[in-house]
Every structure is written in structure tokens, then in C-alpha cells.
Amino acid sequence: MNVGPGGTQLTLRYAEEGDRFRPLGSPGEKKLFRFLTDRKVSRFDKRSTPVLEREGEIIWVVGHRIAESVRVRNVTDQTWRLSLLQLED
């Protein structure tokens, strides 16, 4: 993932109604809940899907796809590999 220069603030939150997202390989934006429906995510699980934001833009729908804007290109200087692990109680 190409998230940009150091110091970029990232925010992890849950998906919300009305969120928009441009999936990797997509020609344009989609409503996030429509994207999740297309991926067969249940109505209940949509609201508990974590998303990572950079400056108000969803750049990763955790467990599903990154955004087109953070794809790695030939000219990318620095990449990040992010993982989100669920810890047992």
C-alpha cells in the first residue's frame, strides 16, 4: 500500500451508511455498503467492517480491498504492509 509521506494521519473506524470508496481496479467510486453487498457481506456485518481512512478518504476496507489511490506503482518510493489482527479475550 502506498499511503504517502511520513506523518500522514490514519484513522481506523467502522463503516458507516453513506461512505464512498474507489476499489482497486474500479473506474470510479462506489457506495461502500453496495461494494460490501456485492462481496456477499451480510447487512449485520457491514456496520462492523473496519475501514482505514487517510484525510477523510477510505483507503482500505479491511479484509476486502484497498483503494485505487494507494495502489503500488512503478514509481512508488515507500510501501506499507498493514495487518489487522483480532485478539482473543
C-alpha atoms as a PDB file:
ATOM      1  CA  MET A   1       0.000   0.000   0.000  1.00  0.00           C
ATOM      2  CA  ASN A   2       1.313   3.442  -0.922  1.00  0.00           C
ATOM      3  CA  VAL A   3      -0.037   5.694   1.852  1.00  0.00           C
ATOM      4  CA  GLY A   4       2.088   8.732   1.109  1.00  0.00           C
ATOM      5  CA  PRO A   5       4.681  10.673   3.084  1.00  0.00           C
ATOM      6  CA  GLY A   6       5.509  10.012   6.729  1.00  0.00           C
ATOM      7  CA  GLY A   7       3.391  11.866   9.237  1.00  0.00           C
ATOM      8  CA  THR A   8       0.185  11.090   7.362  1.00  0.00           C
ATOM      9  CA  GLN A   9      -2.604  10.595   9.900  1.00  0.00           C
ATOM     10  CA  LEU A  10      -4.542   7.356   9.525  1.00  0.00           C
ATOM     11  CA  THR A  11      -7.865   6.659  11.250  1.00  0.00           C
ATOM     12  CA  LEU A  12      -9.354   3.205  11.841  1.00  0.00           C
ATOM     13  CA  ARG A  13     -13.136   3.172  12.249  1.00  0.00           C
ATOM     14  CA  TYR A  14     -16.222   1.156  11.337  1.00  0.00           C
ATOM     15  CA  ALA A  15     -18.078   1.509   8.039  1.00  0.00           C
ATOM     16  CA  GLU A  16     -20.996   3.925   8.062  1.00  0.00           C
ATOM     17  CA  GLU A  17     -24.040   4.403   5.857  1.00  0.00           C
ATOM     18  CA  GLY A  18     -23.177   6.867   3.081  1.00  0.00           C
ATOM     19  CA  ASP A  19     -19.440   6.086   2.946  1.00  0.00           C
ATOM     20  CA  ARG A  20     -17.932   6.050  -0.540  1.00  0.00           C
ATOM     21  CA  PHE A  21     -14.906   4.113  -1.752  1.00  0.00           C
ATOM     22  CA  ARG A  22     -12.980   3.663  -5.009  1.00  0.00           C
ATOM     23  CA  PRO A  23     -11.859  -0.002  -5.000  1.00  0.00           C
ATOM     24  CA  LEU A  24      -8.569  -1.024  -6.590  1.00  0.00           C
ATOM     25  CA  GLY A  25      -9.193  -1.643 -10.295  1.00  0.00           C
ATOM     26  CA  SER A  26     -12.515   0.198 -10.352  1.00  0.00           C
ATOM     27  CA  PRO A  27     -13.126   3.020 -12.843  1.00  0.00           C
ATOM     28  CA  GLY A  28     -14.990   5.076 -10.237  1.00  0.00           C
ATOM     29  CA  GLU A  29     -16.346   5.371  -6.726  1.00  0.00           C
ATOM     30  CA  LYS A  30     -18.952   3.072  -5.215  1.00  0.00           C
ATOM     31  CA  LYS A  31     -21.069   3.355  -2.136  1.00  0.00           C
ATOM     32  CA  LEU A  32     -19.251   1.276   0.449  1.00  0.00           C
ATOM     33  CA  PHE A  33     -22.342  -0.671   1.512  1.00  0.00           C
ATOM     34  CA  ARG A  34     -23.044  -1.529  -2.168  1.00  0.00           C
ATOM     35  CA  PHE A  35     -19.433  -2.760  -2.513  1.00  0.00           C
ATOM     36  CA  LEU A  36     -19.896  -4.928   0.597  1.00  0.00           C
ATOM     37  CA  THR A  37     -23.238  -6.257  -0.695  1.00  0.00           C
ATOM     38  CA  ASP A  38     -21.538  -7.249  -3.952  1.00  0.00           C
ATOM     39  CA  ARG A  39     -18.971  -9.128  -1.830  1.00  0.00           C
ATOM     40  CA  LYS A  40     -21.816 -11.001  -0.053  1.00  0.00           C
ATOM     41  CA  VAL A  41     -21.292  -9.299   3.321  1.00  0.00           C
ATOM     42  CA  SER A  42     -24.421  -9.576   5.473  1.00  0.00           C
ATOM     43  CA  ARG A  43     -26.373  -6.483   6.450  1.00  0.00           C
ATOM     44  CA  PHE A  44     -25.362  -7.004  10.098  1.00  0.00           C
ATOM     45  CA  ASP A  45     -21.649  -7.398   9.284  1.00  0.00           C
ATOM     46  CA  LYS A  46     -21.466  -4.269   7.105  1.00  0.00           C
ATOM     47  CA  ARG A  47     -21.587  -1.937  10.109  1.00  0.00           C
ATOM     48  CA  SER A  48     -18.857  -3.899  11.889  1.00  0.00           C
ATOM     49  CA  THR A  49     -16.466  -3.817   8.911  1.00  0.00           C
ATOM     50  CA  PRO A  50     -13.355  -1.790   9.787  1.00  0.00           C
ATOM     51  CA  VAL A  51     -12.114   0.823   7.323  1.00  0.00           C
ATOM     52  CA  LEU A  52      -8.871   2.794   7.306  1.00  0.00           C
ATOM     53  CA  GLU A  53      -9.053   6.476   6.393  1.00  0.00           C
ATOM     54  CA  ARG A  54      -6.407   8.939   5.280  1.00  0.00           C
ATOM     55  CA  GLU A  55      -7.510  12.564   5.404  1.00  0.00           C
ATOM     56  CA  GLY A  56     -11.188  11.625   5.028  1.00  0.00           C
ATOM     57  CA  GLU A  57     -10.660   9.116   2.194  1.00  0.00           C
ATOM     58  CA  ILE A  58     -11.257   5.406   2.781  1.00  0.00           C
ATOM     59  CA  ILE A  59      -8.037   3.726   1.639  1.00  0.00           C
ATOM     60  CA  TRP A  60      -8.641   0.189   2.940  1.00  0.00           C
ATOM     61  CA  VAL A  61     -11.769  -1.837   3.590  1.00  0.00           C
ATOM     62  CA  VAL A  62     -10.153  -4.281   5.994  1.00  0.00           C
ATOM     63  CA  GLY A  63     -10.394  -7.857   4.787  1.00  0.00           C
ATOM     64  CA  HIS A  64     -11.670  -6.842   1.358  1.00  0.00           C
ATOM     65  CA  ARG A  65      -9.721  -4.346  -0.758  1.00  0.00           C
ATOM     66  CA  ILE A  66      -7.508  -1.265  -0.843  1.00  0.00           C
ATOM     67  CA  ALA A  67      -8.400   1.923  -2.700  1.00  0.00           C
ATOM     68  CA  GLU A  68      -7.156   2.722  -6.185  1.00  0.00           C
ATOM     69  CA  SER A  69      -5.408   5.821  -4.798  1.00  0.00           C
ATOM     70  CA  VAL A  70      -2.992   3.753  -2.667  1.00  0.00           C
ATOM     71  CA  ARG A  71      -2.063   1.088  -5.184  1.00  0.00           C
ATOM     72  CA  VAL A  72       1.653   0.458  -5.592  1.00  0.00           C
ATOM     73  CA  ARG A  73       3.063   1.786  -8.864  1.00  0.00           C
ATOM     74  CA  ASN A  74       6.481   1.523 -10.514  1.00  0.00           C
ATOM     75  CA  VAL A  75       7.381   4.970  -9.160  1.00  0.00           C
ATOM     76  CA  THR A  76       6.318   4.261  -5.562  1.00  0.00           C
ATOM     77  CA  ASP A  77       9.210   5.019  -3.182  1.00  0.00           C
ATOM     78  CA  GLN A  78       7.846   3.596   0.038  1.00  0.00           C
ATOM     79  CA  THR A  79       5.201   0.961   0.687  1.00  0.00           C
ATOM     80  CA  TRP A  80       3.411  -0.142   3.823  1.00  0.00           C
ATOM     81  CA  ARG A  81       2.092  -3.602   4.535  1.00  0.00           C
ATOM     82  CA  LEU A  82      -0.675  -3.399   7.112  1.00  0.00           C
ATOM     83  CA  SER A  83      -2.342  -6.219   9.003  1.00  0.00           C
ATOM     84  CA  LEU A  84      -5.177  -6.078  11.485  1.00  0.00           C
ATOM     85  CA  LEU A  85      -5.278  -8.929  13.968  1.00  0.00           C
ATOM     86  CA  GLN A  86      -8.185  -9.802  16.231  1.00  0.00           C
ATOM     87  CA  LEU A  87      -7.023 -10.672  19.723  1.00  0.00           C
ATOM     88  CA  GLU A  88      -8.833 -13.225  21.834  1.00  0.00           C
ATOM     89  CA  ASP A  89     -10.260 -12.071  25.187  1.00  0.00           C
END
